PDB file of N, CA and C in Angstrom:
ATOM      1  N   MET A   1       1.101  -1.374   0.077  1.00  0.00           N
ATOM      2  CA  MET A   1       0.088   0.214  -0.120  1.00  0.00           C
ATOM      3  C   MET A   1       1.062   0.868  -0.080  1.00  0.00           C
ATOM      4  N   ASN A   2       0.384   2.105  -0.981  1.00  0.00           N
ATOM      5  CA  ASN A   2       1.504   3.976  -0.789  1.00  0.00           C
ATOM      6  C   ASN A   2       0.321   4.378   0.149  1.00  0.00           C
ATOM      7  N   ILE A   3       1.745   4.505   1.145  1.00  0.00           N
ATOM      8  CA  ILE A   3       1.545   5.447   2.305  1.00  0.00           C
ATOM      9  C   ILE A   3       1.130   7.466   1.916  1.00  0.00           C
ATOM     10  N   PRO A   4       0.459   7.732   2.058  1.00  0.00           N
ATOM     11  CA  PRO A   4       0.541   9.015   1.921  1.00  0.00           C
ATOM     12  C   PRO A   4       1.040  10.016   2.547  1.00  0.00           C
ATOM     13  N   GLN A   5       1.855  11.270   1.902  1.00  0.00           N
ATOM     14  CA  GLN A   5       2.948  12.512   2.429  1.00  0.00           C
ATOM     15  C   GLN A   5       2.528  12.730   3.589  1.00  0.00           C
ATOM     16  N   ILE A   6       3.141  13.402   4.600  1.00  0.00           N
ATOM     17  CA  ILE A   6       2.537  13.697   6.085  1.00  0.00           C
ATOM     18  C   ILE A   6       2.468  15.043   5.803  1.00  0.00           C
ATOM     19  N   THR A   7       1.727  15.987   6.433  1.00  0.00           N
ATOM     20  CA  THR A   7       0.924  17.193   6.256  1.00  0.00           C
ATOM     21  C   THR A   7       2.471  17.967   6.837  1.00  0.00           C
ATOM     22  N   ASP A   8       3.274  17.769   7.585  1.00  0.00           N
ATOM     23  CA  ASP A   8       4.496  18.323   7.934  1.00  0.00           C
ATOM     24  C   ASP A   8       5.258  17.872   8.871  1.00  0.00           C
ATOM     25  N   ILE A   9       6.403  18.098   9.505  1.00  0.00           N
ATOM     26  CA  ILE A   9       7.198  17.022  10.331  1.00  0.00           C
ATOM     27  C   ILE A   9       6.408  18.146  11.442  1.00  0.00           C
ATOM     28  N   ASP A  10       6.184  19.413  12.225  1.00  0.00           N
ATOM     29  CA  ASP A  10       5.360  19.122  13.154  1.00  0.00           C
ATOM     30  C   ASP A  10       4.345  18.715  13.616  1.00  0.00           C
ATOM     31  N   THR A  11       3.184  18.864  12.828  1.00  0.00           N
ATOM     32  CA  THR A  11       2.642  17.762  13.024  1.00  0.00           C
ATOM     33  C   THR A  11       3.026  16.386  13.462  1.00  0.00           C
ATOM     34  N   ALA A  12       3.724  15.997  13.027  1.00  0.00           N
ATOM     35  CA  ALA A  12       4.541  14.615  13.049  1.00  0.00           C
ATOM     36  C   ALA A  12       3.981  14.373  14.584  1.00  0.00           C
ATOM     37  N   ILE A  13       5.495  15.460  14.550  1.00  0.00           N
ATOM     38  CA  ILE A  13       5.597  14.641  15.764  1.00  0.00           C
ATOM     39  C   ILE A  13       5.063  15.407  17.203  1.00  0.00           C
ATOM     40  N   LEU A  14       4.043  16.114  17.338  1.00  0.00           N
ATOM     41  CA  LEU A  14       3.201  16.760  17.850  1.00  0.00           C
ATOM     42  C   LEU A  14       2.351  15.920  18.464  1.00  0.00           C
ATOM     43  N   ILE A  15       1.540  15.142  17.130  1.00  0.00           N
ATOM     44  CA  ILE A  15       0.820  13.623  17.307  1.00  0.00           C
ATOM     45  C   ILE A  15       1.383  12.744  17.851  1.00  0.00           C
ATOM     46  N   TYR A  16       2.791  12.730  17.988  1.00  0.00           N
ATOM     47  CA  TYR A  16       3.646  11.432  18.282  1.00  0.00           C
ATOM     48  C   TYR A  16       3.726  11.580  19.838  1.00  0.00           C
ATOM     49  N   TYR A  17       4.038  12.711  20.016  1.00  0.00           N
ATOM     50  CA  TYR A  17       3.985  13.214  21.710  1.00  0.00           C
ATOM     51  C   TYR A  17       3.335  12.958  22.580  1.00  0.00           C
ATOM     52  N   ARG A  18       2.159  13.494  21.754  1.00  0.00           N
ATOM     53  CA  ARG A  18       0.981  14.672  22.434  1.00  0.00           C
ATOM     54  C   ARG A  18      -0.116  13.123  23.006  1.00  0.00           C
ATOM     55  N   TYR A  19      -0.418  12.307  22.000  1.00  0.00           N
ATOM     56  CA  TYR A  19      -0.805  11.067  22.028  1.00  0.00           C
ATOM     57  C   TYR A  19      -0.677   9.904  21.884  1.00  0.00           C
ATOM     58  N   PRO A  20      -0.524   9.176  23.194  1.00  0.00           N
ATOM     59  CA  PRO A  20      -0.348   7.701  23.411  1.00  0.00           C
ATOM     60  C   PRO A  20      -1.124   6.882  22.314  1.00  0.00           C
ATOM     61  N   GLU A  21      -2.085   7.008  21.836  1.00  0.00           N
ATOM     62  CA  GLU A  21      -3.160   5.870  21.176  1.00  0.00           C
ATOM     63  C   GLU A  21      -3.724   7.485  19.565  1.00  0.00           C
ATOM     64  N   ILE A  22      -3.827   7.265  18.404  1.00  0.00           N
ATOM     65  CA  ILE A  22      -4.769   7.790  17.355  1.00  0.00           C
ATOM     66  C   ILE A  22      -5.403   7.467  17.493  1.00  0.00           C
ATOM     67  N   GLY A  23      -6.353   7.868  16.654  1.00  0.00           N
ATOM     68  CA  GLY A  23      -7.588   7.885  16.124  1.00  0.00           C
ATOM     69  C   GLY A  23      -7.701   8.024  14.331  1.00  0.00           C
ATOM     70  N   THR A  24      -9.070   8.106  13.923  1.00  0.00           N
ATOM     71  CA  THR A  24      -9.307   8.436  12.645  1.00  0.00           C
ATOM     72  C   THR A  24      -8.940  10.676  12.564  1.00  0.00           C
ATOM     73  N   LYS A  25      -9.138  10.782  13.543  1.00  0.00           N
ATOM     74  CA  LYS A  25      -8.859  12.872  13.463  1.00  0.00           C
ATOM     75  C   LYS A  25      -7.512  12.816  13.639  1.00  0.00           C
ATOM     76  N   GLU A  26      -6.831  12.398  14.181  1.00  0.00           N
ATOM     77  CA  GLU A  26      -5.436  12.607  14.128  1.00  0.00           C
ATOM     78  C   GLU A  26      -4.573  11.789  13.038  1.00  0.00           C
ATOM     79  N   ILE A  27      -5.062  10.948  12.454  1.00  0.00           N
ATOM     80  CA  ILE A  27      -4.879  10.123  11.081  1.00  0.00           C
ATOM     81  C   ILE A  27      -5.392  11.428  10.310  1.00  0.00           C
ATOM     82  N   THR A  28      -6.192  11.932  10.144  1.00  0.00           N
ATOM     83  CA  THR A  28      -7.082  12.637   9.187  1.00  0.00           C
ATOM     84  C   THR A  28      -5.723  13.652   9.193  1.00  0.00           C
ATOM     85  N   GLN A  29      -5.310  14.423  10.264  1.00  0.00           N
ATOM     86  CA  GLN A  29      -4.315  15.362  10.407  1.00  0.00           C
ATOM     87  C   GLN A  29      -2.938  15.623  10.045  1.00  0.00           C
ATOM     88  N   LEU A  30      -2.409  14.032  10.443  1.00  0.00           N
ATOM     89  CA  LEU A  30      -0.945  13.471  10.152  1.00  0.00           C
ATOM     90  C   LEU A  30      -1.043  13.600   8.315  1.00  0.00           C
ATOM     91  N   PHE A  31      -2.490  13.265   7.572  1.00  0.00           N
ATOM     92  CA  PHE A  31      -1.528  12.454   6.421  1.00  0.00           C
ATOM     93  C   PHE A  31      -3.088  13.829   5.501  1.00  0.00           C
ATOM     94  N   LYS A  32      -2.929  15.596   5.778  1.00  0.00           N
ATOM     95  CA  LYS A  32      -3.906  15.717   5.095  1.00  0.00           C
ATOM     96  C   LYS A  32      -5.141  15.024   4.989  1.00  0.00           C
ATOM     97  N   LYS A  33      -5.929  15.451   4.125  1.00  0.00           N
ATOM     98  CA  LYS A  33      -7.375  15.471   3.642  1.00  0.00           C
ATOM     99  C   LYS A  33      -7.764  14.053   2.860  1.00  0.00           C
ATOM    100  N   HIS A  34      -7.478  13.023   2.855  1.00  0.00           N
ATOM    101  CA  HIS A  34      -7.826  11.750   2.955  1.00  0.00           C
ATOM    102  C   HIS A  34      -9.178  11.471   2.685  1.00  0.00           C
ATOM    103  N   SER A  35      -9.440  10.280   1.460  1.00  0.00           N
ATOM    104  CA  SER A  35     -10.956   9.754   1.315  1.00  0.00           C
ATOM    105  C   SER A  35     -11.335   8.478   2.668  1.00  0.00           C
ATOM    106  N   LYS A  36     -12.440   8.379   3.429  1.00  0.00           N
ATOM    107  CA  LYS A  36     -11.976   7.648   4.227  1.00  0.00           C
ATOM    108  C   LYS A  36     -11.480   6.125   4.271  1.00  0.00           C
ATOM    109  N   SER A  37     -12.174   5.875   2.945  1.00  0.00           N
ATOM    110  CA  SER A  37     -11.655   4.081   2.535  1.00  0.00           C
ATOM    111  C   SER A  37     -10.009   4.655   3.040  1.00  0.00           C
ATOM    112  N   THR A  38      -9.239   5.565   2.333  1.00  0.00           N
ATOM    113  CA  THR A  38      -7.469   5.419   2.475  1.00  0.00           C
ATOM    114  C   THR A  38      -6.939   6.119   4.018  1.00  0.00           C
ATOM    115  N   ILE A  39      -8.447   6.452   4.785  1.00  0.00           N
ATOM    116  CA  ILE A  39      -8.049   6.139   6.327  1.00  0.00           C
ATOM    117  C   ILE A  39      -8.226   5.001   6.703  1.00  0.00           C
ATOM    118  N   SER A  40      -9.022   4.406   6.549  1.00  0.00           N
ATOM    119  CA  SER A  40      -9.039   3.089   6.903  1.00  0.00           C
ATOM    120  C   SER A  40      -7.901   1.669   6.575  1.00  0.00           C
ATOM    121  N   ARG A  41      -8.019   1.873   5.507  1.00  0.00           N
ATOM    122  CA  ARG A  41      -6.754   1.042   4.861  1.00  0.00           C
ATOM    123  C   ARG A  41      -5.322   1.526   5.585  1.00  0.00           C
ATOM    124  N   LEU A  42      -5.490   2.755   6.220  1.00  0.00           N
ATOM    125  CA  LEU A  42      -3.875   2.828   6.899  1.00  0.00           C
ATOM    126  C   LEU A  42      -4.038   2.553   8.194  1.00  0.00           C
ATOM    127  N   LYS A  43      -5.699   2.722   9.023  1.00  0.00           N
ATOM    128  CA  LYS A  43      -5.568   2.068  10.495  1.00  0.00           C
ATOM    129  C   LYS A  43      -5.964   1.034  10.260  1.00  0.00           C
ATOM    130  N   LYS A  44      -6.242  -0.066   8.626  1.00  0.00           N
ATOM    131  CA  LYS A  44      -6.436  -1.702   9.230  1.00  0.00           C
ATOM    132  C   LYS A  44      -4.545  -2.000   9.318  1.00  0.00           C
ATOM    133  N   LEU A  45      -3.584  -1.449   8.445  1.00  0.00           N
ATOM    134  CA  LEU A  45      -1.973  -1.367   8.045  1.00  0.00           C
ATOM    135  C   LEU A  45      -2.003  -1.587   9.504  1.00  0.00           C
ATOM    136  N   ALA A  46      -2.054  -0.308  10.572  1.00  0.00           N
ATOM    137  CA  ALA A  46      -1.504  -0.351  11.413  1.00  0.00           C
ATOM    138  C   ALA A  46      -1.622  -0.949  12.766  1.00  0.00           C
ATOM    139  N   GLN A  47      -3.065  -1.786  12.405  1.00  0.00           N
ATOM    140  CA  GLN A  47      -4.034  -2.797  13.283  1.00  0.00           C
ATOM    141  C   GLN A  47      -3.295  -4.164  13.265  1.00  0.00           C
ATOM    142  N   LYS A  48      -2.415  -4.637  12.392  1.00  0.00           N
ATOM    143  CA  LYS A  48      -1.872  -5.775  11.396  1.00  0.00           C
ATOM    144  C   LYS A  48      -0.699  -5.522  12.204  1.00  0.00           C
ATOM    145  N   TYR A  49       0.074  -4.962  12.153  1.00  0.00           N
ATOM    146  CA  TYR A  49       1.382  -4.085  12.752  1.00  0.00           C
ATOM    147  C   TYR A  49       1.392  -4.719  14.416  1.00  0.00           C
ATOM    148  N   MET A  50       0.382  -4.325  14.788  1.00  0.00           N
ATOM    149  CA  MET A  50      -0.194  -3.991  15.894  1.00  0.00           C
ATOM    150  C   MET A  50      -0.459  -5.508  16.874  1.00  0.00           C
ATOM    151  N   VAL A  51      -0.955  -6.005  16.047  1.00  0.00           N
ATOM    152  CA  VAL A  51      -1.051  -7.656  16.027  1.00  0.00           C
ATOM    153  C   VAL A  51       0.104  -8.541  16.273  1.00  0.00           C
ATOM    154  N   ALA A  52       0.777  -8.194  15.307  1.00  0.00           N
ATOM    155  CA  ALA A  52       1.894  -9.495  15.255  1.00  0.00           C
ATOM    156  C   ALA A  52       2.894  -8.907  16.450  1.00  0.00           C
ATOM    157  N   GLU A  53       2.962  -7.423  16.917  1.00  0.00           N
ATOM    158  CA  GLU A  53       3.653  -6.710  18.020  1.00  0.00           C
ATOM    159  C   GLU A  53       3.314  -7.179  18.967  1.00  0.00           C
ATOM    160  N   SER A  54       2.063  -7.568  19.099  1.00  0.00           N
ATOM    161  CA  SER A  54       1.392  -7.960  20.382  1.00  0.00           C
ATOM    162  C   SER A  54       1.023  -6.539  20.965  1.00  0.00           C
ATOM    163  N   VAL A  55       0.462  -6.089  20.807  1.00  0.00           N
ATOM    164  CA  VAL A  55       0.693  -4.060  21.108  1.00  0.00           C
ATOM    165  C   VAL A  55      -0.953  -4.086  21.214  1.00  0.00           C
ATOM    166  N   TYR A  56      -1.975  -3.666  22.556  1.00  0.00           N
ATOM    167  CA  TYR A  56      -2.906  -3.724  22.421  1.00  0.00           C
ATOM    168  C   TYR A  56      -3.295  -2.161  23.159  1.00  0.00           C
ATOM    169  N   THR A  57      -4.595  -1.361  22.805  1.00  0.00           N
ATOM    170  CA  THR A  57      -4.577  -0.603  22.696  1.00  0.00           C
ATOM    171  C   THR A  57      -6.095  -0.348  23.808  1.00  0.00           C
ATOM    172  N   HIS A  58      -6.195   1.159  24.825  1.00  0.00           N
ATOM    173  CA  HIS A  58      -7.713   0.670  25.554  1.00  0.00           C
ATOM    174  C   HIS A  58      -8.659   0.984  24.989  1.00  0.00           C
ATOM    175  N   GLY A  59      -8.913   1.790  23.868  1.00  0.00           N
ATOM    176  CA  GLY A  59      -9.524   1.703  22.726  1.00  0.00           C
ATOM    177  C   GLY A  59     -10.032   0.594  21.715  1.00  0.00           C
ATOM    178  N   MET A  60     -10.922   0.382  21.148  1.00  0.00           N
ATOM    179  CA  MET A  60     -11.545  -0.105  20.095  1.00  0.00           C
ATOM    180  C   MET A  60     -11.241   0.070  18.678  1.00  0.00           C
ATOM    181  N   TYR A  61     -11.525   1.502  18.990  1.00  0.00           N
ATOM    182  CA  TYR A  61     -11.469   2.236  17.627  1.00  0.00           C
ATOM    183  C   TYR A  61     -10.046   3.031  17.637  1.00  0.00           C
ATOM    184  N   LYS A  62      -9.020   3.157  18.443  1.00  0.00           N
ATOM    185  CA  LYS A  62      -7.814   3.857  18.651  1.00  0.00           C
ATOM    186  C   LYS A  62      -6.481   2.812  18.254  1.00  0.00           C
ATOM    187  N   LEU A  63      -5.333   3.464  18.132  1.00  0.00           N
ATOM    188  CA  LEU A  63      -4.476   2.845  17.506  1.00  0.00           C
ATOM    189  C   LEU A  63      -3.044   3.093  18.098  1.00  0.00           C
ATOM    190  N   ASN A  64      -2.186   2.243  18.353  1.00  0.00           N
ATOM    191  CA  ASN A  64      -0.567   2.568  18.923  1.00  0.00           C
ATOM    192  C   ASN A  64      -0.032   3.499  18.340  1.00  0.00           C
ATOM    193  N   THR A  65       0.149   4.796  19.428  1.00  0.00           N
ATOM    194  CA  THR A  65       0.663   5.454  18.107  1.00  0.00           C
ATOM    195  C   THR A  65       2.600   5.264  17.684  1.00  0.00           C
ATOM    196  N   GLU A  66       3.351   4.936  18.478  1.00  0.00           N
ATOM    197  CA  GLU A  66       4.003   4.330  17.685  1.00  0.00           C
ATOM    198  C   GLU A  66       4.160   2.928  16.989  1.00  0.00           C
ATOM    199  N   CYS A  67       3.386   1.539  16.961  1.00  0.00           N
ATOM    200  CA  CYS A  67       3.128   1.036  16.561  1.00  0.00           C
ATOM    201  C   CYS A  67       2.611   1.171  14.630  1.00  0.00           C
ATOM    202  N   ALA A  68       1.427   2.483  14.819  1.00  0.00           N
ATOM    203  CA  ALA A  68       1.198   2.912  13.794  1.00  0.00           C
ATOM    204  C   ALA A  68       2.067   3.729  12.810  1.00  0.00           C
ATOM    205  N   TYR A  69       2.952   4.356  13.799  1.00  0.00           N
ATOM    206  CA  TYR A  69       3.908   5.175  12.343  1.00  0.00           C
ATOM    207  C   TYR A  69       5.325   4.247  13.033  1.00  0.00           C
ATOM    208  N   ARG A  70       5.176   3.167  13.140  1.00  0.00           N
ATOM    209  CA  ARG A  70       6.478   1.844  12.498  1.00  0.00           C
ATOM    210  C   ARG A  70       6.090   1.479  11.479  1.00  0.00           C
ATOM    211  N   ALA A  71       4.558   1.420  11.294  1.00  0.00           N
ATOM    212  CA  ALA A  71       3.643   0.257  10.474  1.00  0.00           C
ATOM    213  C   ALA A  71       3.875   1.324   9.163  1.00  0.00           C
ATOM    214  N   TRP A  72       3.705   2.422   9.296  1.00  0.00           N
ATOM    215  CA  TRP A  72       3.786   3.805   8.295  1.00  0.00           C
ATOM    216  C   TRP A  72       4.876   3.831   7.689  1.00  0.00           C
ATOM    217  N   GLY A  73       6.230   3.428   8.109  1.00  0.00           N
ATOM    218  CA  GLY A  73       6.844   3.747   7.950  1.00  0.00           C
ATOM    219  C   GLY A  73       7.568   5.498   8.243  1.00  0.00           C
ATOM    220  N   ILE A  74       7.003   6.157   9.323  1.00  0.00           N
ATOM    221  CA  ILE A  74       7.645   6.753   9.304  1.00  0.00           C
ATOM    222  C   ILE A  74       8.670   7.232  10.998  1.00  0.00           C
ATOM    223  N   ASP A  75       9.710   7.602  10.960  1.00  0.00           N
ATOM    224  CA  ASP A  75      10.707   7.606  11.584  1.00  0.00           C
ATOM    225  C   ASP A  75      10.922   8.773  12.078  1.00  0.00           C
ATOM    226  N   ILE A  76      10.418   8.670  13.398  1.00  0.00           N
ATOM    227  CA  ILE A  76      10.018   9.866  14.272  1.00  0.00           C
ATOM    228  C   ILE A  76      11.288  10.740  15.113  1.00  0.00           C
ATOM    229  N   GLU A  77      12.587   9.637  14.574  1.00  0.00           N
ATOM    230  CA  GLU A  77      13.640   9.979  15.136  1.00  0.00           C
ATOM    231  C   GLU A  77      14.522  11.068  14.428  1.00  0.00           C
ATOM    232  N   ASP A  78      14.261  10.332  12.660  1.00  0.00           N
ATOM    233  CA  ASP A  78      14.249  11.225  11.697  1.00  0.00           C
ATOM    234  C   ASP A  78      14.028  12.464  11.429  1.00  0.00           C
ATOM    235  N   LEU A  79      12.943  12.534  11.808  1.00  0.00           N
ATOM    236  CA  LEU A  79      11.747  13.938  11.932  1.00  0.00           C
ATOM    237  C   LEU A  79      12.479  15.099  12.536  1.00  0.00           C
ATOM    238  N   GLU A  80      13.110  14.522  13.856  1.00  0.00           N
ATOM    239  CA  GLU A  80      13.251  15.083  14.583  1.00  0.00           C
ATOM    240  C   GLU A  80      14.752  15.951  14.285  1.00  0.00           C
ATOM    241  N   LYS A  81      16.091  15.145  13.857  1.00  0.00           N
ATOM    242  CA  LYS A  81      16.944  15.477  13.465  1.00  0.00           C
ATOM    243  C   LYS A  81      16.702  16.485  12.032  1.00  0.00           C
ATOM    244  N   ARG A  82      15.859  15.949  11.161  1.00  0.00           N
ATOM    245  CA  ARG A  82      15.580  16.811   9.394  1.00  0.00           C
ATOM    246  C   ARG A  82      14.805  18.643  10.451  1.00  0.00           C
ATOM    247  N   ARG A  83      14.187  18.409  11.838  1.00  0.00           N
ATOM    248  CA  ARG A  83      13.499  19.750  12.437  1.00  0.00           C
ATOM    249  C   ARG A  83      14.739  20.503  12.583  1.00  0.00           C
ATOM    250  N   ASN A  84      15.428  19.575  13.302  1.00  0.00           N
ATOM    251  CA  ASN A  84      16.439  20.612  14.632  1.00  0.00           C
ATOM    252  C   ASN A  84      17.360  21.176  13.431  1.00  0.00           C
ATOM    253  N   LYS A  85      17.825  20.697  12.166  1.00  0.00           N
ATOM    254  CA  LYS A  85      18.642  21.312  11.159  1.00  0.00           C
ATOM    255  C   LYS A  85      17.856  22.593  10.626  1.00  0.00           C
ATOM    256  N   LEU A  86      16.705  22.545  10.564  1.00  0.00           N
ATOM    257  CA  LEU A  86      16.038  23.819   9.966  1.00  0.00           C
ATOM    258  C   LEU A  86      15.861  24.686  10.475  1.00  0.00           C
ATOM    259  N   GLN A  87      15.862  24.190  11.733  1.00  0.00           N
ATOM    260  CA  GLN A  87      16.143  24.991  12.703  1.00  0.00           C
ATOM    261  C   GLN A  87      17.300  26.327  13.053  1.00  0.00           C
ATOM    262  N   LYS A  88      18.680  25.589  13.068  1.00  0.00           N
ATOM    263  CA  LYS A  88      19.773  25.565  12.952  1.00  0.00           C
ATOM    264  C   LYS A  88      20.030  26.995  11.809  1.00  0.00           C
ATOM    265  N   LEU A  89      19.880  26.740  10.968  1.00  0.00           N
ATOM    266  CA  LEU A  89      19.183  27.475   9.309  1.00  0.00           C
ATOM    267  C   LEU A  89      18.121  28.834   9.259  1.00  0.00           C
ATOM    268  N   ARG A  90      17.686  28.068  10.271  1.00  0.00           N
ATOM    269  CA  ARG A  90      16.824  29.317  10.780  1.00  0.00           C
ATOM    270  C   ARG A  90      15.427  29.427   9.541  1.00  0.00           C
ATOM    271  N   ILE A  91      15.256  28.074   9.228  1.00  0.00           N
ATOM    272  CA  ILE A  91      13.990  28.345   8.484  1.00  0.00           C
ATOM    273  C   ILE A  91      12.871  27.824   8.915  1.00  0.00           C
ATOM    274  N   ILE A  92      12.836  27.406   9.897  1.00  0.00           N
ATOM    275  CA  ILE A  92      11.254  27.390  10.681  1.00  0.00           C
ATOM    276  C   ILE A  92      11.745  27.703  12.263  1.00  0.00           C
ATOM    277  N   ARG A  93      10.558  28.332  12.924  1.00  0.00           N
ATOM    278  CA  ARG A  93      10.354  28.855  14.320  1.00  0.00           C
ATOM    279  C   ARG A  93      10.542  27.743  14.761  1.00  0.00           C
ATOM    280  N   PRO A  94      11.179  28.000  16.102  1.00  0.00           N
ATOM    281  CA  PRO A  94      11.199  26.898  17.599  1.00  0.00           C
ATOM    282  C   PRO A  94       9.807  26.196  17.731  1.00  0.00           C
ATOM    283  N   MET A  95       9.430  25.034  18.296  1.00  0.00           N
ATOM    284  CA  MET A  95       9.024  24.354  18.043  1.00  0.00           C
ATOM    285  C   MET A  95       7.087  24.881  19.052  1.00  0.00           C
ATOM    286  N   GLY A  96       7.824  25.319  19.849  1.00  0.00           N
ATOM    287  CA  GLY A  96       6.705  26.087  21.431  1.00  0.00           C
ATOM    288  C   GLY A  96       6.077  26.833  21.039  1.00  0.00           C
ATOM    289  N   LEU A  97       6.163  27.747  19.316  1.00  0.00           N
ATOM    290  CA  LEU A  97       6.095  28.267  18.939  1.00  0.00           C
ATOM    291  C   LEU A  97       4.903  28.186  17.719  1.00  0.00           C
ATOM    292  N   VAL A  98       4.729  27.176  17.159  1.00  0.00           N
ATOM    293  CA  VAL A  98       4.390  26.279  16.200  1.00  0.00           C
ATOM    294  C   VAL A  98       3.240  25.724  16.656  1.00  0.00           C
ATOM    295  N   MET A  99       3.521  25.084  17.869  1.00  0.00           N
ATOM    296  CA  MET A  99       2.345  24.035  18.999  1.00  0.00           C
ATOM    297  C   MET A  99       0.749  24.763  18.594  1.00  0.00           C
ATOM    298  N   GLU A 100       0.767  26.392  18.743  1.00  0.00           N
ATOM    299  CA  GLU A 100       0.310  26.564  19.125  1.00  0.00           C
ATOM    300  C   GLU A 100      -0.792  26.993  17.664  1.00  0.00           C
ATOM    301  N   TYR A 101      -0.087  27.086  16.890  1.00  0.00           N
ATOM    302  CA  TYR A 101      -0.431  27.540  15.756  1.00  0.00           C
ATOM    303  C   TYR A 101      -1.448  25.971  14.877  1.00  0.00           C
ATOM    304  N   VAL A 102      -0.571  24.753  15.062  1.00  0.00           N
ATOM    305  CA  VAL A 102      -0.769  23.503  14.679  1.00  0.00           C
ATOM    306  C   VAL A 102      -2.432  22.797  15.085  1.00  0.00           C
ATOM    307  N   LEU A 103      -2.495  23.544  16.936  1.00  0.00           N
ATOM    308  CA  LEU A 103      -3.808  22.862  17.652  1.00  0.00           C
ATOM    309  C   LEU A 103      -5.187  24.006  16.807  1.00  0.00           C
ATOM    310  N   CYS A 104      -4.339  25.435  16.555  1.00  0.00           N
ATOM    311  CA  CYS A 104      -6.186  25.845  16.259  1.00  0.00           C
ATOM    312  C   CYS A 104      -6.792  24.793  14.742  1.00  0.00           C
TER     313      CYS A 104
END
């Protein structure tokens, strides 16, 4: 399955650290606006990965964030490294200033 491109680095990092379990709302934020079938396929892929890793969630419709990111091939350490490089080059502002904007 082709995994869509993430919205942006800040959103991916924010969702990863803010939510231990994610649902449709967070997946939609992470991958922009996609069809319900695409979101459903992403969830099924992550659920299969969670079963293989024997990881369970508290909610029936939620996914473990760490497992979902691994299933989708999102490397959070690489994203953090890229974000830090962009900050050093002064291309983007520090995350604390961007966080409020992303949540609105």
